[in-house]
Amino acid sequence: MDKRILLPTDFSRNALNAIRYALDLYANQTCDFYFLNAYQVSGYSIDSMMVPEPGERAYEMAKKESEAGFVKLMDILELHNDDPKHTYHTISTFNSLLYAIKTTIAKKDIDIVVMGTKGATGAEDVIFGTNTVDAMEKVTECPVLAIPDNVRFAAPKEIVFPTDFKTSFKRRELNYLLEIAKHHHAAIRVLHIAEKSELNREQLSNRELLQSILEDVDYSFHTLTDLGVQTGISAFIDSRGSDMIAFVNRKHSFLGSLFSRPLVKEMGYYSKIPVLTLHDVS
């Protein structure tokens, strides 16, 4: 089945890097790539009652700038990618990025969103920009894959999947994790940062369920003790040189509010490898 992949762009270097990563991640797969630029007009707020209308000078200038950005982007991508299985579409829209992403997902039946972690104005000490955090937390219709600025594509060989085993798993919510692992022959390393030495009955049951879901891929279970969640994940990734990390972003899990809290420098592993945010399908 063809993949439909949404690539938001503000024409920054970080956005271009994420686009290149996505094209390589889905190399030799039949894909429709939708490049989305949600432009705004200086001096106007998307949320206010006063918005410029099509035909007004400010609106038309912003639209023209967006379209010119796409001409330049397509020229760059022609040099990078000639995969005959890839089809490109461009979308320019006057809107907030989050609303534009959600609207495009609905209209184009998007499978996954791939975006950079920072925009054109991204400060060096900000690991994730506001737009990326919003997408990871609020785009629940499909997975979101965030690509750090300094990451160049290499086929993922190890994907870390942290869990506390406190909630049950559904095959549907892990589909994209499994697809990426199968396509690139990557191993999934299930990481448990243990609060107690033993799993309770419910946790053991959820572990068995996850084991059955992962049966068609290479996987293994790992446990770390006496470490905080962030420190443990970071230490595990650093020690193994893992290529990607995947979360199921549930509201009531130990990772549920991860992206709504300020992303501080101590969470530095996010700046090293791509982050795949999956969502609870219940």
Protein backbone atom coordinates (compact mmCIF):
# COMPACT_ATOMS: atom_id res chain seq x y z
CA MET A 1 0.00 0.00 0.00
CA ASP A 2 1.27 3.46 -0.88
CA LYS A 3 2.51 5.64 1.95
CA ARG A 4 1.34 9.21 2.34
CA ILE A 5 3.91 11.25 4.21
CA LEU A 6 3.49 14.84 5.36
CA LEU A 7 6.60 17.02 5.51
CA PRO A 8 5.99 20.46 7.07
CA THR A 9 8.62 23.00 6.01
CA ASP A 10 9.50 26.60 6.75
CA PHE A 11 12.32 26.28 4.18
CA SER A 12 14.92 26.25 6.96
CA ARG A 13 18.02 24.08 6.97
CA ASN A 14 16.52 21.94 9.74
CA ALA A 15 13.34 21.34 7.71
CA LEU A 16 15.41 20.40 4.64
CA ASN A 17 17.43 17.95 6.72
CA ALA A 18 14.21 16.30 7.95
CA ILE A 19 12.92 16.07 4.37
CA ARG A 20 16.09 14.38 3.18
CA TYR A 21 15.91 11.96 6.10
CA ALA A 22 12.32 11.05 5.22
CA LEU A 23 13.13 10.50 1.53
CA ASP A 24 15.95 8.13 2.49
CA LEU A 25 13.96 6.39 5.25
CA TYR A 26 11.27 5.50 2.68
CA ALA A 27 13.62 4.84 -0.23
CA ASN A 28 12.35 2.26 -2.72
CA GLN A 29 8.84 2.42 -1.24
CA THR A 30 5.90 3.83 -3.20
CA CYS A 31 5.18 7.10 -1.44
CA ASP A 32 3.33 10.35 -1.92
CA PHE A 33 5.20 13.14 -0.14
CA TYR A 34 3.15 16.21 0.76
CA PHE A 35 5.34 19.24 1.45
CA LEU A 36 3.42 21.74 3.59
CA ASN A 37 4.23 25.40 4.17
CA ALA A 38 1.83 27.21 6.49
CA TYR A 39 2.61 30.86 5.90
CA GLN A 40 1.51 33.82 7.95
CA VAL A 41 1.47 37.57 7.44
CA SER A 42 3.57 39.88 9.57
CA GLY A 43 1.40 42.01 11.83
CA TYR A 44 -1.58 39.65 11.73
CA SER A 45 -2.50 36.90 14.18
CA ILE A 46 -4.06 33.70 12.85
CA ASP A 47 -6.29 33.60 15.93
CA SER A 48 -7.55 37.18 15.66
CA MET A 49 -10.64 38.42 13.86
CA MET A 50 -8.48 40.61 11.65
CA VAL A 51 -6.86 38.46 8.97
CA PRO A 52 -5.76 39.51 5.50
CA GLU A 53 -7.91 38.39 2.62
CA PRO A 54 -6.73 36.84 -0.66
CA GLY A 55 -5.99 39.70 -3.04
CA GLU A 56 -4.66 41.99 -0.33
CA ARG A 57 -1.05 43.01 -0.85
CA ALA A 58 0.31 41.49 2.39
CA TYR A 59 -1.49 38.20 1.77
CA GLU A 60 -0.35 37.92 -1.84
CA MET A 61 3.26 38.73 -0.92
CA ALA A 62 3.30 36.00 1.75
CA LYS A 63 1.72 33.53 -0.68
CA LYS A 64 4.24 34.43 -3.39
CA GLU A 65 7.12 33.97 -0.94
CA SER A 66 5.79 30.53 0.02
CA GLU A 67 5.44 29.45 -3.61
CA ALA A 68 8.95 30.73 -4.40
CA GLY A 69 10.26 28.72 -1.47
CA PHE A 70 8.77 25.58 -2.98
CA VAL A 71 10.33 26.27 -6.39
CA LYS A 72 13.74 26.47 -4.70
CA LEU A 73 13.04 23.38 -2.56
CA MET A 74 12.03 21.27 -5.57
CA ASP A 75 15.23 22.34 -7.38
CA ILE A 76 17.29 21.21 -4.38
CA LEU A 77 15.45 17.88 -4.13
CA GLU A 78 15.95 17.14 -7.80
CA LEU A 79 19.68 16.99 -7.10
CA HIS A 80 19.18 14.83 -4.00
CA ASN A 81 16.56 12.31 -4.95
CA ASP A 82 15.52 10.54 -8.13
CA ASP A 83 13.52 7.68 -6.63
CA PRO A 84 10.92 6.73 -9.28
CA LYS A 85 8.61 5.46 -6.54
CA HIS A 86 8.35 8.90 -4.93
CA THR A 87 5.75 11.48 -5.95
CA TYR A 88 5.91 15.08 -4.69
CA HIS A 89 3.03 17.44 -3.88
CA THR A 90 3.30 20.98 -2.49
CA ILE A 91 0.76 22.76 -0.30
CA SER A 92 0.92 26.48 0.56
CA THR A 93 -1.70 27.65 3.02
CA PHE A 94 -2.35 30.70 5.17
CA ASN A 95 -2.82 29.14 8.57
CA SER A 96 -1.22 28.11 11.83
CA LEU A 97 1.09 25.16 11.35
CA LEU A 98 -0.75 22.84 13.75
CA TYR A 99 -4.14 23.49 12.12
CA ALA A 100 -2.60 23.09 8.65
CA ILE A 101 -1.03 19.76 9.66
CA LYS A 102 -4.30 18.43 11.09
CA THR A 103 -6.29 19.61 8.07
CA THR A 104 -3.84 18.02 5.63
CA ILE A 105 -3.82 14.74 7.56
CA ALA A 106 -7.60 14.58 7.24
CA LYS A 107 -7.80 15.65 3.58
CA LYS A 108 -4.90 13.54 2.28
CA ASP A 109 -5.24 10.53 4.59
CA ILE A 110 -1.67 11.02 5.83
CA ASP A 111 0.13 8.06 7.40
CA ILE A 112 2.99 9.84 9.20
CA VAL A 113 4.34 13.36 9.75
CA VAL A 114 8.10 13.88 9.51
CA MET A 115 9.49 17.23 10.62
CA GLY A 116 12.59 18.94 11.95
CA THR A 117 13.01 19.66 15.63
CA LYS A 118 13.61 23.39 15.18
CA GLY A 119 12.50 26.09 12.78
CA ALA A 120 14.33 28.90 11.04
CA THR A 121 14.63 30.88 14.28
CA GLY A 122 15.68 27.92 16.44
CA ALA A 123 18.09 28.91 19.20
CA GLU A 124 21.06 26.67 19.86
CA ASP A 125 19.95 25.83 23.41
CA VAL A 126 16.40 24.87 22.40
CA ILE A 127 16.24 21.16 21.63
CA PHE A 128 12.67 21.16 20.30
CA GLY A 129 10.87 24.17 18.91
CA THR A 130 7.29 25.00 19.89
CA ASN A 131 5.85 23.74 16.59
CA THR A 132 7.48 20.32 17.02
CA VAL A 133 6.34 19.98 20.63
CA ASP A 134 2.80 20.94 19.58
CA ALA A 135 2.82 18.36 16.81
CA MET A 136 4.15 15.57 19.04
CA GLU A 137 1.62 16.30 21.75
CA LYS A 138 -1.48 17.32 19.78
CA VAL A 139 -1.31 15.49 16.45
CA THR A 140 -2.93 12.25 17.53
CA GLU A 141 -4.27 11.17 14.13
CA CYS A 142 -0.97 9.63 13.04
CA PRO A 143 2.64 9.21 14.24
CA VAL A 144 5.08 12.12 14.24
CA LEU A 145 8.78 11.57 13.56
CA ALA A 146 11.06 14.43 14.64
CA ILE A 147 14.54 14.70 13.12
CA PRO A 148 17.28 16.64 14.95
CA ASP A 149 19.29 19.12 12.94
CA ASN A 150 22.60 17.29 13.27
CA VAL A 151 21.29 13.85 12.25
CA ARG A 152 22.21 12.59 8.79
CA PHE A 153 20.41 9.56 7.47
CA ALA A 154 21.75 6.11 8.14
CA ALA A 155 19.42 3.13 7.98
CA PRO A 156 18.24 2.58 11.58
CA LYS A 157 19.57 -0.65 13.02
CA GLU A 158 18.40 -0.23 16.62
CA ILE A 159 15.24 1.48 17.88
CA VAL A 160 14.78 2.01 21.61
CA PHE A 161 11.23 1.63 22.95
CA PRO A 162 10.93 2.68 26.61
CA THR A 163 7.94 1.44 28.59
CA ASP A 164 6.85 0.92 32.19
CA PHE A 165 4.55 -2.01 31.21
CA LYS A 166 1.73 -0.36 33.18
CA THR A 167 -0.65 -0.13 30.22
CA SER A 168 -1.54 -2.72 27.62
CA PHE A 169 -0.36 -2.48 24.02
CA LYS A 170 -2.30 -2.58 20.78
CA ARG A 171 -0.82 -3.77 17.53
CA ARG A 172 -2.37 -0.82 15.67
CA GLU A 173 -0.57 1.79 17.75
CA LEU A 174 2.79 0.10 17.11
CA ASN A 175 2.27 -0.48 13.37
CA TYR A 176 4.64 2.25 12.19
CA LEU A 177 7.35 1.22 14.62
CA LEU A 178 7.07 -2.34 13.28
CA GLU A 179 7.06 -1.18 9.65
CA ILE A 180 10.21 0.89 10.03
CA ALA A 181 11.93 -1.96 11.88
CA LYS A 182 10.98 -4.52 9.21
CA HIS A 183 11.89 -2.30 6.25
CA HIS A 184 15.36 -1.55 7.62
CA HIS A 185 15.93 -4.86 9.43
CA ALA A 186 16.23 -2.90 12.67
CA ALA A 187 16.09 -4.39 16.15
CA ILE A 188 13.66 -3.02 18.73
CA ARG A 189 15.15 -2.74 22.22
CA VAL A 190 12.39 -2.57 24.83
CA LEU A 191 13.73 -0.60 27.78
CA HIS A 192 12.20 -0.71 31.25
CA ILE A 193 13.46 1.73 33.87
CA ALA A 194 12.48 -0.28 36.93
CA GLU A 195 10.95 1.30 40.04
CA LYS A 196 10.84 -2.11 41.73
CA SER A 197 12.91 -5.21 41.20
CA GLU A 198 9.93 -7.33 40.13
CA LEU A 199 7.10 -6.71 37.69
CA ASN A 200 3.61 -7.13 39.09
CA ARG A 201 1.00 -9.44 37.51
CA GLU A 202 -0.45 -6.72 35.27
CA GLN A 203 2.99 -5.63 34.07
CA LEU A 204 3.94 -9.23 33.29
CA SER A 205 0.75 -9.64 31.28
CA ASN A 206 1.45 -6.47 29.31
CA ARG A 207 5.02 -7.61 28.71
CA GLU A 208 3.76 -10.90 27.27
CA LEU A 209 1.33 -9.02 25.02
CA LEU A 210 4.13 -6.78 23.73
CA GLN A 211 6.25 -9.87 23.13
CA SER A 212 3.54 -11.33 20.89
CA ILE A 213 3.22 -8.06 18.95
CA LEU A 214 6.98 -7.96 18.32
CA GLU A 215 7.29 -11.61 17.29
CA ASP A 216 7.94 -10.78 13.60
CA VAL A 217 10.89 -8.47 14.28
CA ASP A 218 14.21 -8.71 16.06
CA TYR A 219 13.66 -7.53 19.63
CA SER A 220 15.00 -7.84 23.16
CA PHE A 221 14.02 -6.68 26.64
CA HIS A 222 16.32 -4.61 28.84
CA THR A 223 15.96 -3.35 32.41
CA LEU A 224 17.80 -0.57 34.20
CA THR A 225 17.46 0.09 37.93
CA ASP A 226 18.40 2.92 40.30
CA LEU A 227 18.15 5.52 37.53
CA GLY A 228 15.60 8.19 36.66
CA VAL A 229 13.68 7.75 33.41
CA GLN A 230 15.51 10.47 31.49
CA THR A 231 18.94 9.52 32.82
CA GLY A 232 18.32 5.83 32.16
CA ILE A 233 17.14 6.32 28.59
CA SER A 234 20.05 8.64 27.85
CA ALA A 235 22.61 6.23 29.33
CA PHE A 236 21.15 3.30 27.39
CA ILE A 237 21.21 5.16 24.06
CA ASP A 238 24.72 6.52 24.64
CA SER A 239 26.13 3.13 25.59
CA ARG A 240 24.68 1.38 22.53
CA GLY A 241 24.73 4.06 19.85
CA SER A 242 21.02 3.53 19.14
CA ASP A 243 19.55 5.10 15.99
CA MET A 244 15.99 6.06 16.96
CA ILE A 245 13.71 6.24 19.99
CA ALA A 246 9.96 5.54 19.93
CA PHE A 247 7.30 6.44 22.49
CA VAL A 248 3.61 5.77 22.85
CA ASN A 249 2.48 9.17 24.11
CA ARG A 250 -0.31 8.33 26.53
CA LYS A 251 -1.79 10.99 28.77
CA HIS A 252 -1.60 8.89 31.91
CA SER A 253 1.70 7.07 31.44
CA PHE A 254 5.14 7.94 32.75
CA LEU A 255 5.89 9.49 29.36
CA GLY A 256 2.47 11.06 28.86
CA SER A 257 3.37 14.64 29.67
CA LEU A 258 6.93 14.38 28.43
CA PHE A 259 6.52 16.83 25.59
CA SER A 260 4.36 19.33 27.49
CA ARG A 261 7.09 20.01 30.01
CA PRO A 262 9.94 22.38 29.16
CA LEU A 263 12.54 20.42 27.22
CA VAL A 264 15.72 21.26 29.04
CA LYS A 265 19.33 20.58 28.16
CA GLU A 266 19.56 17.54 30.43
CA MET A 267 17.29 15.70 27.98
CA GLY A 268 20.11 15.86 25.49
CA TYR A 269 19.49 12.46 23.90
CA TYR A 270 16.65 14.09 21.96
CA SER A 271 19.18 16.14 20.04
CA LYS A 272 21.11 13.06 18.94
CA ILE A 273 18.62 10.69 17.33
CA PRO A 274 15.17 10.85 15.68
CA VAL A 275 12.14 10.58 17.97
CA LEU A 276 9.05 8.67 16.82
CA THR A 277 5.91 9.63 18.73
CA LEU A 278 3.12 7.07 18.53
CA HIS A 279 -0.33 7.61 19.99
CA ASP A 280 -2.82 5.63 21.99
CA VAL A 281 -5.54 4.41 19.62
CA SER A 282 -8.12 3.66 22.32
